[in-house]
Protein backbone atom coordinates (compact mmCIF):
# COMPACT_ATOMS: atom_id res chain seq x y z
CA UNK A 1 8.59 -14.19 24.03
CA UNK A 2 5.12 -14.05 22.41
CA UNK A 3 2.63 -16.51 24.00
CA UNK A 4 -0.90 -17.47 22.84
CA UNK A 5 -4.06 -18.40 24.38
CA UNK A 6 -3.73 -22.18 23.50
CA UNK A 7 -0.72 -22.34 25.98
CA UNK A 8 2.00 -23.41 23.20
CA UNK A 9 5.34 -24.27 24.99
CA UNK A 10 7.74 -21.53 24.70
CA UNK A 11 11.47 -22.03 24.59
CA UNK A 12 13.38 -21.60 27.91
CA UNK A 13 16.53 -19.88 26.98
CA UNK A 14 15.80 -16.36 26.00
CA UNK A 15 18.21 -14.80 23.22
CA UNK A 16 20.84 -12.28 24.16
CA UNK A 17 20.40 -8.60 23.31
CA UNK A 18 23.04 -9.19 20.48
CA UNK A 19 21.04 -12.12 19.26
CA UNK A 20 17.82 -10.16 19.20
CA UNK A 21 19.49 -7.34 17.34
CA UNK A 22 20.70 -9.85 14.65
CA UNK A 23 17.14 -11.31 14.47
CA UNK A 24 15.41 -7.97 14.15
CA UNK A 25 18.02 -6.54 11.82
CA UNK A 26 18.13 -9.41 9.43
CA UNK A 27 14.41 -9.87 9.34
CA UNK A 28 13.62 -6.27 9.05
CA UNK A 29 16.23 -5.55 6.25
CA UNK A 30 14.72 -8.44 4.34
CA UNK A 31 11.25 -7.02 4.78
CA UNK A 32 12.36 -3.61 3.57
CA UNK A 33 13.97 -5.00 0.55
CA UNK A 34 10.98 -7.22 -0.42
CA UNK A 35 8.61 -4.43 0.04
CA UNK A 36 10.91 -2.27 -1.93
CA UNK A 37 10.38 -4.80 -4.78
CA UNK A 38 6.67 -4.83 -4.44
CA UNK A 39 6.08 -1.10 -4.14
CA UNK A 40 8.48 0.03 -6.76
CA UNK A 41 5.62 -0.60 -9.40
CA UNK A 42 3.31 1.62 -7.38
CA UNK A 43 5.81 4.31 -6.99
CA UNK A 44 6.52 4.60 -10.80
CA UNK A 45 2.82 4.01 -11.74
CA UNK A 46 2.15 7.35 -10.01
CA UNK A 47 4.35 9.15 -12.73
CA UNK A 48 2.40 7.41 -15.58
CA UNK A 49 5.58 5.69 -17.04
CA UNK A 50 4.35 2.19 -16.81
CA UNK A 51 0.92 2.73 -18.13
CA UNK A 52 2.21 4.15 -21.49
CA UNK A 53 5.14 1.55 -21.64
CA UNK A 54 3.44 -1.67 -21.17
CA UNK A 55 -0.34 -1.17 -22.11
CA UNK A 56 -2.06 -0.57 -25.34
CA UNK A 57 -4.05 2.72 -24.64
CA UNK A 58 -4.02 6.02 -26.32
CA UNK A 59 -5.97 7.18 -23.39
CA UNK A 60 -3.75 8.11 -20.61
CA UNK A 61 -6.35 7.65 -18.05
CA UNK A 62 -7.00 4.14 -19.28
CA UNK A 63 -3.27 3.39 -19.29
CA UNK A 64 -2.85 4.49 -15.57
CA UNK A 65 -5.96 2.39 -14.58
CA UNK A 66 -4.48 -0.59 -16.24
CA UNK A 67 -1.25 -0.03 -14.41
CA UNK A 68 -3.01 0.33 -11.18
CA UNK A 69 -5.03 -2.85 -12.04
CA UNK A 70 -1.67 -4.64 -12.57
CA UNK A 71 -0.44 -3.30 -9.18
CA UNK A 72 -3.67 -4.79 -7.64
CA UNK A 73 -3.09 -8.07 -9.42
CA UNK A 74 0.07 -8.77 -7.38
CA UNK A 75 -1.88 -8.08 -4.24
CA UNK A 76 -4.53 -10.47 -5.44
CA UNK A 77 -2.08 -13.44 -5.56
CA UNK A 78 -0.77 -12.66 -2.05
CA UNK A 79 -3.41 -15.01 -0.32
CA UNK A 80 -2.22 -17.95 -2.69
CA UNK A 81 1.27 -17.17 -1.49
CA UNK A 82 0.24 -17.22 2.05
CA UNK A 83 -1.44 -20.55 1.70
CA UNK A 84 1.55 -22.06 -0.17
CA UNK A 85 4.34 -20.56 1.93
CA UNK A 86 2.42 -20.68 5.28
CA UNK A 87 1.93 -24.53 4.70
CA UNK A 88 5.76 -24.82 4.12
CA UNK A 89 6.55 -22.42 7.02
CA UNK A 90 4.46 -24.45 9.49
CA UNK A 91 5.71 -27.87 8.03
CA UNK A 92 9.45 -27.20 7.13
CA UNK A 93 10.38 -24.10 9.27
CA UNK A 94 10.35 -20.23 9.38
CA UNK A 95 13.97 -19.43 8.11
CA UNK A 96 13.99 -21.45 4.90
CA UNK A 97 10.71 -20.56 3.76
CA UNK A 98 11.33 -16.80 3.88
CA UNK A 99 14.73 -17.48 2.20
CA UNK A 100 12.67 -18.82 -0.69
CA UNK A 101 10.12 -15.96 -0.74
CA UNK A 102 12.62 -13.26 -0.98
CA UNK A 103 14.68 -15.07 -3.74
CA UNK A 104 11.44 -15.39 -5.79
CA UNK A 105 10.60 -11.65 -5.25
CA UNK A 106 14.11 -10.45 -6.24
CA UNK A 107 13.97 -12.48 -9.53
CA UNK A 108 10.42 -11.19 -10.23
CA UNK A 109 11.23 -7.63 -9.63
CA UNK A 110 14.46 -7.55 -11.98
CA UNK A 111 12.45 -9.31 -14.68
CA UNK A 112 10.08 -6.40 -14.85
CA UNK A 113 12.89 -4.14 -15.54
CA UNK A 114 13.98 -6.48 -18.57
CA UNK A 115 10.52 -6.84 -20.13
CA UNK A 116 10.40 -5.00 -23.65
CA UNK A 117 7.63 -2.28 -24.26
CA UNK A 118 4.21 -2.79 -25.78
CA UNK A 119 5.39 -0.93 -28.76
CA UNK A 120 8.47 -3.39 -29.07
CA UNK A 121 6.51 -6.80 -28.45
CA UNK A 122 2.83 -6.13 -28.46
CA UNK A 123 0.40 -8.03 -26.09
CA UNK A 124 3.27 -10.17 -24.81
CA UNK A 125 4.55 -7.08 -22.91
CA UNK A 126 1.42 -6.89 -20.37
CA UNK A 127 1.30 -10.57 -20.19
CA UNK A 128 4.92 -10.83 -19.05
CA UNK A 129 4.46 -7.97 -16.61
CA UNK A 130 1.22 -9.99 -15.13
CA UNK A 131 3.28 -13.07 -14.70
CA UNK A 132 5.93 -11.06 -12.89
CA UNK A 133 3.49 -9.33 -10.52
CA UNK A 134 1.90 -12.77 -9.84
CA UNK A 135 5.24 -14.03 -8.72
CA UNK A 136 5.75 -10.94 -6.68
CA UNK A 137 2.38 -11.47 -5.04
CA UNK A 138 3.17 -15.07 -4.21
CA UNK A 139 6.43 -14.24 -2.74
CA UNK A 140 4.88 -11.37 -0.59
CA UNK A 141 2.19 -13.74 0.60
CA UNK A 142 5.07 -15.73 2.41
CA UNK A 143 7.36 -13.03 3.49
CA UNK A 144 5.53 -11.00 6.02
CA UNK A 145 4.22 -13.86 8.11
CA UNK A 146 7.69 -15.58 8.11
CA UNK A 147 9.47 -12.45 9.25
CA UNK A 148 6.88 -11.34 11.83
CA UNK A 149 6.67 -14.84 13.25
CA UNK A 150 10.23 -15.36 13.40
CA UNK A 151 10.84 -12.06 15.49
CA UNK A 152 7.87 -12.81 17.69
CA UNK A 153 9.10 -16.26 18.64
CA UNK A 154 12.41 -15.16 19.47
CA UNK A 155 11.17 -12.15 21.55
CA UNK A 156 11.48 -12.32 25.26
CA UNK A 157 8.30 -12.12 27.32
CA UNK A 158 6.52 -8.75 27.33
CA UNK A 159 8.47 -7.31 24.44
CA UNK A 160 6.82 -8.77 21.29
CA UNK A 161 4.96 -5.59 20.41
CA UNK A 162 8.14 -3.61 20.41
CA UNK A 163 10.41 -6.00 18.66
CA UNK A 164 7.94 -6.87 16.05
CA UNK A 165 7.04 -3.31 15.35
CA UNK A 166 10.38 -3.07 13.45
CA UNK A 167 8.95 -5.42 10.93
CA UNK A 168 5.79 -3.06 10.57
CA UNK A 169 8.21 -0.13 10.06
CA UNK A 170 10.09 -2.09 7.51
CA UNK A 171 6.97 -2.06 5.28
CA UNK A 172 7.20 1.78 5.44
CA UNK A 173 10.80 1.41 4.89
CA UNK A 174 10.34 -0.39 1.61
CA UNK A 175 8.08 2.39 0.38
CA UNK A 176 10.83 4.94 1.57
CA UNK A 177 13.43 2.95 -0.10
CA UNK A 178 11.45 2.85 -3.40
CA UNK A 179 11.16 6.59 -3.58
CA UNK A 180 14.85 6.99 -2.72
CA UNK A 181 16.17 4.76 -5.33
CA UNK A 182 13.74 6.27 -8.09
CA UNK A 183 15.05 9.69 -7.09
CA UNK A 184 18.60 8.58 -7.03
CA UNK A 185 18.52 7.16 -10.52
CA UNK A 186 16.12 9.88 -11.79
CA UNK A 187 17.74 13.08 -10.72
CA UNK A 188 21.22 12.68 -12.35
CA UNK A 189 19.95 11.72 -15.83
CA UNK A 190 18.12 13.80 -18.54
CA UNK A 191 14.34 13.56 -18.43
CA UNK A 192 14.45 11.78 -22.01
CA UNK A 193 16.78 9.01 -20.77
CA UNK A 194 14.64 8.41 -17.66
CA UNK A 195 11.43 8.13 -19.62
CA UNK A 196 13.09 5.94 -22.39
CA UNK A 197 14.86 3.39 -20.21
CA UNK A 198 16.21 4.94 -17.03
CA UNK A 199 13.15 3.96 -15.19
CA UNK A 200 14.07 0.32 -15.50
CA UNK A 201 17.22 0.69 -13.28
CA UNK A 202 15.22 0.75 -9.90
CA UNK A 203 13.87 -2.76 -10.97
CA UNK A 204 17.12 -4.13 -11.83
CA UNK A 205 18.61 -2.77 -8.47
CA UNK A 206 16.55 -5.41 -6.90
CA UNK A 207 19.36 -8.05 -7.82
CA UNK A 208 21.75 -6.13 -5.36
CA UNK A 209 19.21 -6.10 -2.59
CA UNK A 210 18.48 -9.73 -2.91
CA UNK A 211 22.30 -10.54 -2.55
CA UNK A 212 22.43 -8.46 0.70
CA UNK A 213 19.26 -9.94 2.09
CA UNK A 214 20.39 -13.64 1.38
CA UNK A 215 23.71 -12.92 2.91
CA UNK A 216 22.03 -11.50 6.18
CA UNK A 217 19.35 -14.07 6.46
CA UNK A 218 21.63 -17.02 5.96
CA UNK A 219 23.27 -15.84 9.17
CA UNK A 220 20.02 -16.81 11.20
CA UNK A 221 19.16 -20.06 12.80
CA UNK A 222 15.56 -21.58 12.89
CA UNK A 223 13.04 -20.15 15.14
CA UNK A 224 13.33 -21.88 18.71
CA UNK A 225 9.52 -22.51 18.89
CA UNK A 226 9.48 -24.34 15.62
CA UNK A 227 12.62 -26.30 16.66
CA UNK A 228 10.77 -27.35 19.90
CA UNK A 229 7.72 -28.24 18.13
CA UNK A 230 9.62 -30.37 15.52
CA UNK A 231 11.82 -32.17 18.18
CA UNK A 232 8.33 -32.96 20.19
CA UNK A 233 6.56 -34.13 17.04
CA UNK A 234 3.94 -31.45 17.35
CA UNK A 235 3.92 -29.93 13.88
CA UNK A 236 0.67 -29.94 12.10
CA UNK A 237 -0.12 -32.60 9.64
CA UNK A 238 -1.85 -30.29 7.24
CA UNK A 239 -1.58 -26.56 8.57
CA UNK A 240 -3.90 -25.26 5.78
CA UNK A 241 -6.74 -27.59 6.85
CA UNK A 242 -6.14 -27.20 10.55
CA UNK A 243 -6.32 -23.47 10.22
CA UNK A 244 -10.03 -23.98 9.49
CA UNK A 245 -10.69 -26.86 11.84
CA UNK A 246 -8.77 -25.76 14.95
CA UNK A 247 -11.36 -24.99 17.76
CA UNK A 248 -12.32 -21.27 17.60
CA UNK A 249 -10.18 -20.50 14.75
CA UNK A 250 -12.84 -19.50 12.47
CA UNK A 251 -13.76 -16.55 14.49
CA UNK A 252 -10.05 -15.42 14.76
CA UNK A 253 -9.70 -15.73 11.04
CA UNK A 254 -12.74 -13.53 10.34
CA UNK A 255 -11.60 -10.82 12.84
CA UNK A 256 -8.06 -11.08 11.42
CA UNK A 257 -9.37 -10.53 7.97
CA UNK A 258 -12.14 -7.97 8.19
CA UNK A 259 -11.09 -6.18 11.50
CA UNK A 260 -7.48 -6.10 11.33
CA UNK A 261 -5.81 -6.56 7.94
CA UNK A 262 -8.57 -4.89 5.98
CA UNK A 263 -8.61 -1.67 8.18
CA UNK A 264 -5.05 -1.17 8.70
CA UNK A 265 -4.05 -1.62 5.10
CA UNK A 266 -6.52 0.92 3.68
CA UNK A 267 -5.22 3.65 6.09
CA UNK A 268 -1.58 2.90 5.26
CA UNK A 269 -2.08 2.94 1.39
CA UNK A 270 -4.17 6.10 1.67
CA UNK A 271 -1.65 7.82 3.63
CA UNK A 272 1.05 6.85 0.95
CA UNK A 273 -0.14 6.00 -2.48
CA UNK A 274 -3.33 7.80 -2.45
CA UNK A 275 -1.51 11.07 -1.24
CA UNK A 276 1.13 10.57 -3.90
CA UNK A 277 -1.44 10.27 -6.64
CA UNK A 278 -3.43 13.13 -5.22
CA UNK A 279 -0.39 15.35 -5.41
CA UNK A 280 0.77 14.34 -8.71
CA UNK A 281 -2.55 14.14 -10.29
CA UNK A 282 -5.50 16.58 -9.47
CA UNK A 283 -3.04 19.00 -7.41
CA UNK A 284 -0.51 19.09 -10.34
CA UNK A 285 2.45 19.01 -8.09
CA UNK A 286 5.65 18.26 -9.72
CA UNK A 287 6.27 14.32 -9.55
CA UNK A 288 9.75 14.81 -8.02
CA UNK A 289 8.54 17.28 -5.44
CA UNK A 290 5.61 14.97 -4.55
CA UNK A 291 7.95 12.06 -4.13
CA UNK A 292 10.38 14.21 -2.01
CA UNK A 293 7.51 15.42 0.24
CA UNK A 294 5.79 12.08 0.73
CA UNK A 295 9.09 10.30 1.29
CA UNK A 296 10.06 12.86 3.96
CA UNK A 297 6.73 12.55 5.76
CA UNK A 298 6.93 8.78 5.52
CA UNK A 299 10.36 8.82 7.19
CA UNK A 300 9.17 11.06 9.92
CA UNK A 301 6.04 8.87 10.50
CA UNK A 302 8.25 5.61 10.96
CA UNK A 303 8.66 6.61 14.69
CA UNK A 304 4.79 5.88 15.24
CA UNK A 305 5.16 2.36 14.30
CA UNK A 306 7.73 1.78 16.69
CA UNK A 307 5.94 3.90 19.43
CA UNK A 308 2.66 2.23 19.11
CA UNK A 309 4.12 -1.38 18.95
CA UNK A 310 5.97 -0.54 22.22
CA UNK A 311 2.88 1.02 23.74
CA UNK A 312 0.77 -2.14 23.10
CA UNK A 313 3.19 -4.13 25.23
CA UNK A 314 1.89 -1.96 28.16
CA UNK A 315 -1.80 -1.18 27.40
CA UNK A 316 -2.65 -4.01 24.98
CA UNK A 317 -3.03 -4.55 21.36
CA UNK A 318 -6.55 -3.73 20.81
CA UNK A 319 -7.01 -0.30 22.26
CA UNK A 320 -4.36 1.59 19.92
CA UNK A 321 -6.20 -0.12 16.77
CA UNK A 322 -9.71 0.77 17.80
CA UNK A 323 -8.59 4.46 18.68
CA UNK A 324 -6.81 4.75 15.37
CA UNK A 325 -9.84 3.59 13.37
CA UNK A 326 -12.15 6.15 15.19
CA UNK A 327 -9.71 9.10 14.69
CA UNK A 328 -9.22 8.05 11.08
CA UNK A 329 -12.96 8.28 10.50
CA UNK A 330 -12.96 11.85 11.94
CA UNK A 331 -9.81 13.04 10.33
CA UNK A 332 -9.33 11.56 6.97
CA UNK A 333 -11.23 14.06 4.87
CA UNK A 334 -10.06 17.20 6.98
CA UNK A 335 -6.44 15.94 6.34
CA UNK A 336 -6.73 15.70 2.58
CA UNK A 337 -8.40 18.94 2.44
CA UNK A 338 -5.31 20.51 4.19
CA UNK A 339 -3.04 18.72 1.55
CA UNK A 340 -5.15 19.94 -1.22
CA UNK A 341 -5.30 23.52 -0.11
CA UNK A 342 -1.66 23.80 0.61
CA UNK A 343 -0.30 21.77 -2.47
CA UNK A 344 -1.74 24.05 -5.11
CA UNK A 345 -3.52 27.02 -3.67
CA UNK A 346 -3.93 28.89 -6.95
CA UNK A 347 -5.68 25.72 -8.46
CA UNK A 348 -7.77 25.22 -5.35
CA UNK A 349 -8.99 28.76 -5.45
CA UNK A 350 -9.64 28.69 -9.22
CA UNK A 351 -11.77 25.47 -8.62
CA UNK A 352 -13.61 27.30 -5.95
CA UNK A 353 -14.15 30.54 -7.72
CA UNK A 354 -14.79 29.12 -11.12
CA UNK A 355 -16.26 25.61 -10.87
CA UNK A 356 -16.58 23.39 -13.92
CA UNK A 357 -20.20 22.06 -14.60
CA UNK A 358 -20.79 19.66 -17.39
CA UNK A 359 -24.68 19.15 -18.26
CA UNK A 360 -26.15 16.74 -20.79
CA UNK A 361 -29.08 14.36 -21.26
CA UNK A 362 -26.92 11.23 -20.15
CA UNK A 363 -23.34 12.52 -19.69
CA UNK A 364 -21.93 9.03 -19.19
CA UNK A 365 -18.19 8.51 -18.90
CA UNK A 366 -16.42 5.23 -19.22
CA UNK A 367 -12.76 5.45 -17.91
CA UNK A 368 -12.01 2.13 -19.34
CA UNK A 369 -12.83 3.15 -22.88
CA UNK A 370 -10.08 4.06 -25.29
CA UNK A 371 -12.64 6.53 -26.92
CA UNK A 372 -15.85 7.94 -25.45
CA UNK A 373 -19.08 7.47 -27.21
CA UNK A 374 -20.50 10.78 -27.21
CA UNK A 375 -19.49 14.49 -26.92
CA UNK A 376 -20.40 14.75 -23.27
CA UNK A 377 -18.26 11.74 -22.42
CA UNK A 378 -15.37 13.27 -24.46
CA UNK A 379 -15.59 16.44 -22.45
CA UNK A 380 -15.48 14.51 -18.99
CA UNK A 381 -12.63 12.59 -20.52
CA UNK A 382 -10.75 15.65 -21.09
CA UNK A 383 -11.35 17.10 -17.50
CA UNK A 384 -10.29 13.70 -16.11
CA UNK A 385 -7.10 13.52 -18.03
CA UNK A 386 -6.29 16.99 -16.81
CA UNK A 387 -7.18 16.18 -13.27
CA UNK A 388 -9.69 19.13 -13.12
CA UNK A 389 -12.60 18.77 -10.73
CA UNK A 390 -16.24 18.87 -12.23
CA UNK A 391 -19.79 18.24 -11.37
CA UNK A 392 -22.48 16.81 -13.61
CA UNK A 393 -26.05 18.11 -14.16
CA UNK A 394 -28.96 16.81 -16.10
CA UNK A 395 -29.98 19.12 -19.32
CA UNK A 396 -31.51 18.29 -22.67
CA UNK A 397 -28.31 19.06 -24.50
CA UNK A 398 -24.50 19.25 -23.89
CA UNK A 399 -23.49 22.38 -21.87
CA UNK A 400 -20.17 23.23 -20.38
CA UNK A 401 -19.72 26.03 -18.01
CA UNK A 402 -16.53 27.23 -16.29
CA UNK A 403 -17.35 29.79 -13.40
CA UNK A 404 -20.72 30.33 -14.91
CA UNK A 405 -19.51 31.20 -18.44
CA UNK A 406 -20.92 28.97 -21.09
CA UNK A 407 -18.21 27.43 -23.32
CA UNK A 408 -19.21 27.21 -26.92
CA UNK A 409 -16.08 25.31 -28.20
CA UNK A 410 -15.81 22.00 -26.21
CA UNK A 411 -12.80 20.77 -28.23
CA UNK A 412 -9.57 20.40 -26.31
CA UNK A 413 -8.27 23.58 -27.57
CA UNK A 414 -11.49 25.53 -26.74
CA UNK A 415 -11.49 23.96 -23.05
CA UNK A 416 -7.73 24.74 -22.74
CA UNK A 417 -8.47 28.35 -23.52
CA UNK A 418 -11.55 28.48 -21.20
CA UNK A 419 -9.70 27.07 -18.25
CA UNK A 420 -6.71 29.34 -18.58
CA UNK A 421 -9.04 32.38 -18.81
CA UNK A 422 -10.54 31.21 -15.64
CA UNK A 423 -7.15 31.02 -13.82
CA UNK A 424 -6.55 27.44 -13.94
CA UNK A 425 -2.90 26.74 -13.97
CA UNK A 426 -2.29 23.19 -14.85
CA UNK A 427 1.57 23.24 -15.21
CA UNK A 428 3.45 21.22 -12.55
CA UNK A 429 3.96 23.21 -9.41
CA UNK A 430 6.25 23.07 -6.53
CA UNK A 431 4.70 24.42 -3.30
CA UNK A 432 6.16 27.10 -1.22
CA UNK A 433 8.37 25.77 1.88
CA UNK A 434 5.72 26.96 4.06
CA UNK A 435 3.07 24.77 2.22
CA UNK A 436 5.56 21.89 1.89
CA UNK A 437 5.75 21.90 5.68
CA UNK A 438 1.98 22.02 6.12
CA UNK A 439 1.61 19.00 3.54
CA UNK A 440 4.14 17.02 5.32
CA UNK A 441 2.50 17.70 8.75
CA UNK A 442 -0.78 16.27 7.30
CA UNK A 443 0.75 13.30 5.84
CA UNK A 444 2.59 12.67 9.26
CA UNK A 445 -0.61 12.82 11.10
CA UNK A 446 -1.96 10.11 8.75
CA UNK A 447 1.10 8.17 9.31
CA UNK A 448 0.42 8.46 13.08
CA UNK A 449 -2.95 6.84 12.34
CA UNK A 450 -1.35 4.14 10.36
CA UNK A 451 1.15 3.53 13.28
CA UNK A 452 -1.53 3.16 15.63
CA UNK A 453 -3.30 0.55 13.68
CA UNK A 454 -0.16 -1.07 12.06
CA UNK A 455 2.41 -0.97 14.81
CA UNK A 456 1.03 -3.70 17.19
CA UNK A 457 -0.47 -6.09 14.55
CA UNK A 458 2.48 -8.44 13.96
CA UNK A 459 2.45 -9.28 17.65
CA UNK A 460 -1.27 -9.40 17.90
CA UNK A 461 -1.40 -11.75 14.97
CA UNK A 462 1.20 -14.03 16.32
CA UNK A 463 -0.59 -14.20 19.61
CA UNK A 464 -4.01 -14.75 18.18
CA UNK A 465 -3.03 -18.11 16.60
CA UNK A 466 -1.59 -21.44 18.10
CA UNK A 467 2.07 -21.93 16.99
CA UNK A 468 1.63 -25.26 15.18
CA UNK A 469 -0.59 -23.37 12.37
CA UNK A 470 0.40 -19.79 13.08
CA UNK A 471 2.41 -19.15 9.77
CA UNK A 472 -0.57 -20.42 7.80
CA UNK A 473 -3.43 -18.96 10.29
CA UNK A 474 -1.97 -15.30 10.38
CA UNK A 475 -0.81 -15.14 6.75
CA UNK A 476 -4.05 -16.31 5.04
CA UNK A 477 -6.34 -13.54 6.58
CA UNK A 478 -3.76 -10.83 6.64
CA UNK A 479 -2.93 -11.27 2.89
CA UNK A 480 -6.53 -11.46 1.86
CA UNK A 481 -7.33 -8.43 3.80
CA UNK A 482 -4.30 -6.43 2.51
CA UNK A 483 -4.33 -8.01 -0.98
CA UNK A 484 -7.95 -7.37 -1.69
CA UNK A 485 -9.05 -4.45 0.41
CA UNK A 486 -5.72 -2.75 0.20
CA UNK A 487 -4.28 -3.75 -3.08
CA UNK A 488 -7.24 -2.65 -4.91
CA UNK A 489 -7.50 0.65 -3.28
CA UNK A 490 -5.37 2.83 -5.62
CA UNK A 491 -7.27 1.32 -8.54
CA UNK A 492 -10.79 1.47 -7.02
CA UNK A 493 -10.28 5.05 -5.57
CA UNK A 494 -8.81 6.38 -8.93
CA UNK A 495 -11.70 4.89 -10.72
CA UNK A 496 -14.15 6.75 -8.32
CA UNK A 497 -12.32 10.06 -8.92
CA UNK A 498 -12.20 9.89 -12.59
CA UNK A 499 -15.76 8.68 -12.76
CA UNK A 500 -17.10 11.51 -10.44
CA UNK A 501 -14.86 14.45 -10.99
CA UNK A 502 -14.28 14.88 -7.38
CA UNK A 503 -10.55 14.39 -6.47
CA UNK A 504 -11.66 13.75 -2.91
CA UNK A 505 -14.39 11.05 -3.68
CA UNK A 506 -12.04 8.06 -3.67
CA UNK A 507 -11.59 8.55 0.20
CA UNK A 508 -15.00 7.15 0.64
CA UNK A 509 -13.74 3.74 -0.09
CA UNK A 510 -11.32 4.06 2.81
CA UNK A 511 -13.89 5.49 5.03
CA UNK A 512 -16.24 2.42 4.38
CA UNK A 513 -13.48 -0.18 4.94
CA UNK A 514 -12.26 1.40 8.21
CA UNK A 515 -15.89 1.65 9.51
CA UNK A 516 -16.44 -1.98 8.80
CA UNK A 517 -13.14 -2.87 10.40
CA UNK A 518 -13.98 -0.86 13.51
CA UNK A 519 -17.06 -2.77 13.96
CA UNK A 520 -15.60 -6.12 13.50
CA UNK A 521 -12.63 -5.43 15.73
CA UNK A 522 -14.94 -3.88 18.70
CA UNK A 523 -17.23 -6.98 18.21
CA UNK A 524 -14.70 -9.86 17.85
CA UNK A 525 -11.20 -9.16 18.88
CA UNK A 526 -10.26 -10.69 22.16
CA UNK A 527 -7.24 -8.84 23.64
CA UNK A 528 -4.12 -11.05 23.33
CA UNK A 529 -1.87 -9.06 25.67
CA UNK A 530 -3.99 -7.49 28.70
CA UNK A 531 -2.60 -4.40 30.11
CA UNK A 532 -0.10 -5.26 33.11
CA UNK A 533 -1.07 -4.43 36.57
CA UNK A 534 0.80 -1.30 37.78
């Protein structure tokens, strides 16, 4: 079973192998279903359906940014959920708290599938969607900590990293399940039906997942550590307040937030959502093909979460995380360059052979404006909507060149013709089998880095904090880090891309956060599971 530096008493009777399988299975399944509910919005946002359904924007770029902003809103409320449910988890128990969180999540997800479109009810549509995403964020803020702690507090000595790594892998499982369900509903029906109402079915599917999860989790008993604390009268009077007043906890909270949660989450979201957006957007890969490719890579990458969680039981938690951060800083851009060159070689070659340059006296582009203020902004808006890379230059008047050839007609029709003449094929593409294998290999490499930084973390966070305030103390920094640094990543990186015209520019956000996390982790993380002597 997991221990901590404060020497909190642990239960004497270790669970049997059968009991551990039930604990891990029920906790992991619930985590998969809960993250499915949360990720289904991000999965469908990459297709553009949600932006044009729920938001008042003639500008497709603006609609997608608003959809990603709504995705981020759910993450923004995760810390509040962590405070609320962390308090309940430390006061009332682990089991019943995460039963409440999964029920709230399932109801909110199904609710999204029932909200009418903006065309039908106007501004009430985005308002209702925001309320549903807020409910999802609150629920998720309590779910992860409860599941991770529940497994860790059942785990026999020296195996917490391995056992809790299944909770970490379950987060990836939620993303994979979201792709599988979307494709399962999408492929059998006509495209018109899917775009009209079929996309709602994955949200409504959450009701079935909720029923299964409740059935499994009701079989579980309360955490033995919590029962022992309650019987001894050692539960915290106010876990939230005590999280900030317990001796030495401030430093642990800072390290958990800026060193652990922020770093691991941007790597994970970059490996999944940024890759998916990159393939369907600038690389013009067919959305279905992109989802299948990303889902296959995520499935293959699951093993790394289990591997590094298990490895951390032997070599310690800190080492895999630090190494993962360092290698990410070295390989992130090269991995995306490989993906870009393999996803659409013809488009990559056209961009290299015939680069687009837009010149003007100011050439400002506002991705949040429904209509750009001047001709130069309208040209940049055109290229952003098409996902075509461009560079900007200063000039006294508006000037557009493609491969050094000046384009006289800067209307959409004229630019379409210029790009076509320069060899830009912007139709959805399906890469060759060989290139699909290359893309999957690159994504799996990113998944390995995510596994190194994410696999050991549930055990690490449980071991960092005393059990009387563990639910609150680990949930608050974890969900602040993942909610704000990670949840806003798709929105921020996409905004950087459309603003700069460089499809790779959004990666600098990931690089900056990982660099910060590396410094904080090296400086402040105290090893919670020192390597055992040979």
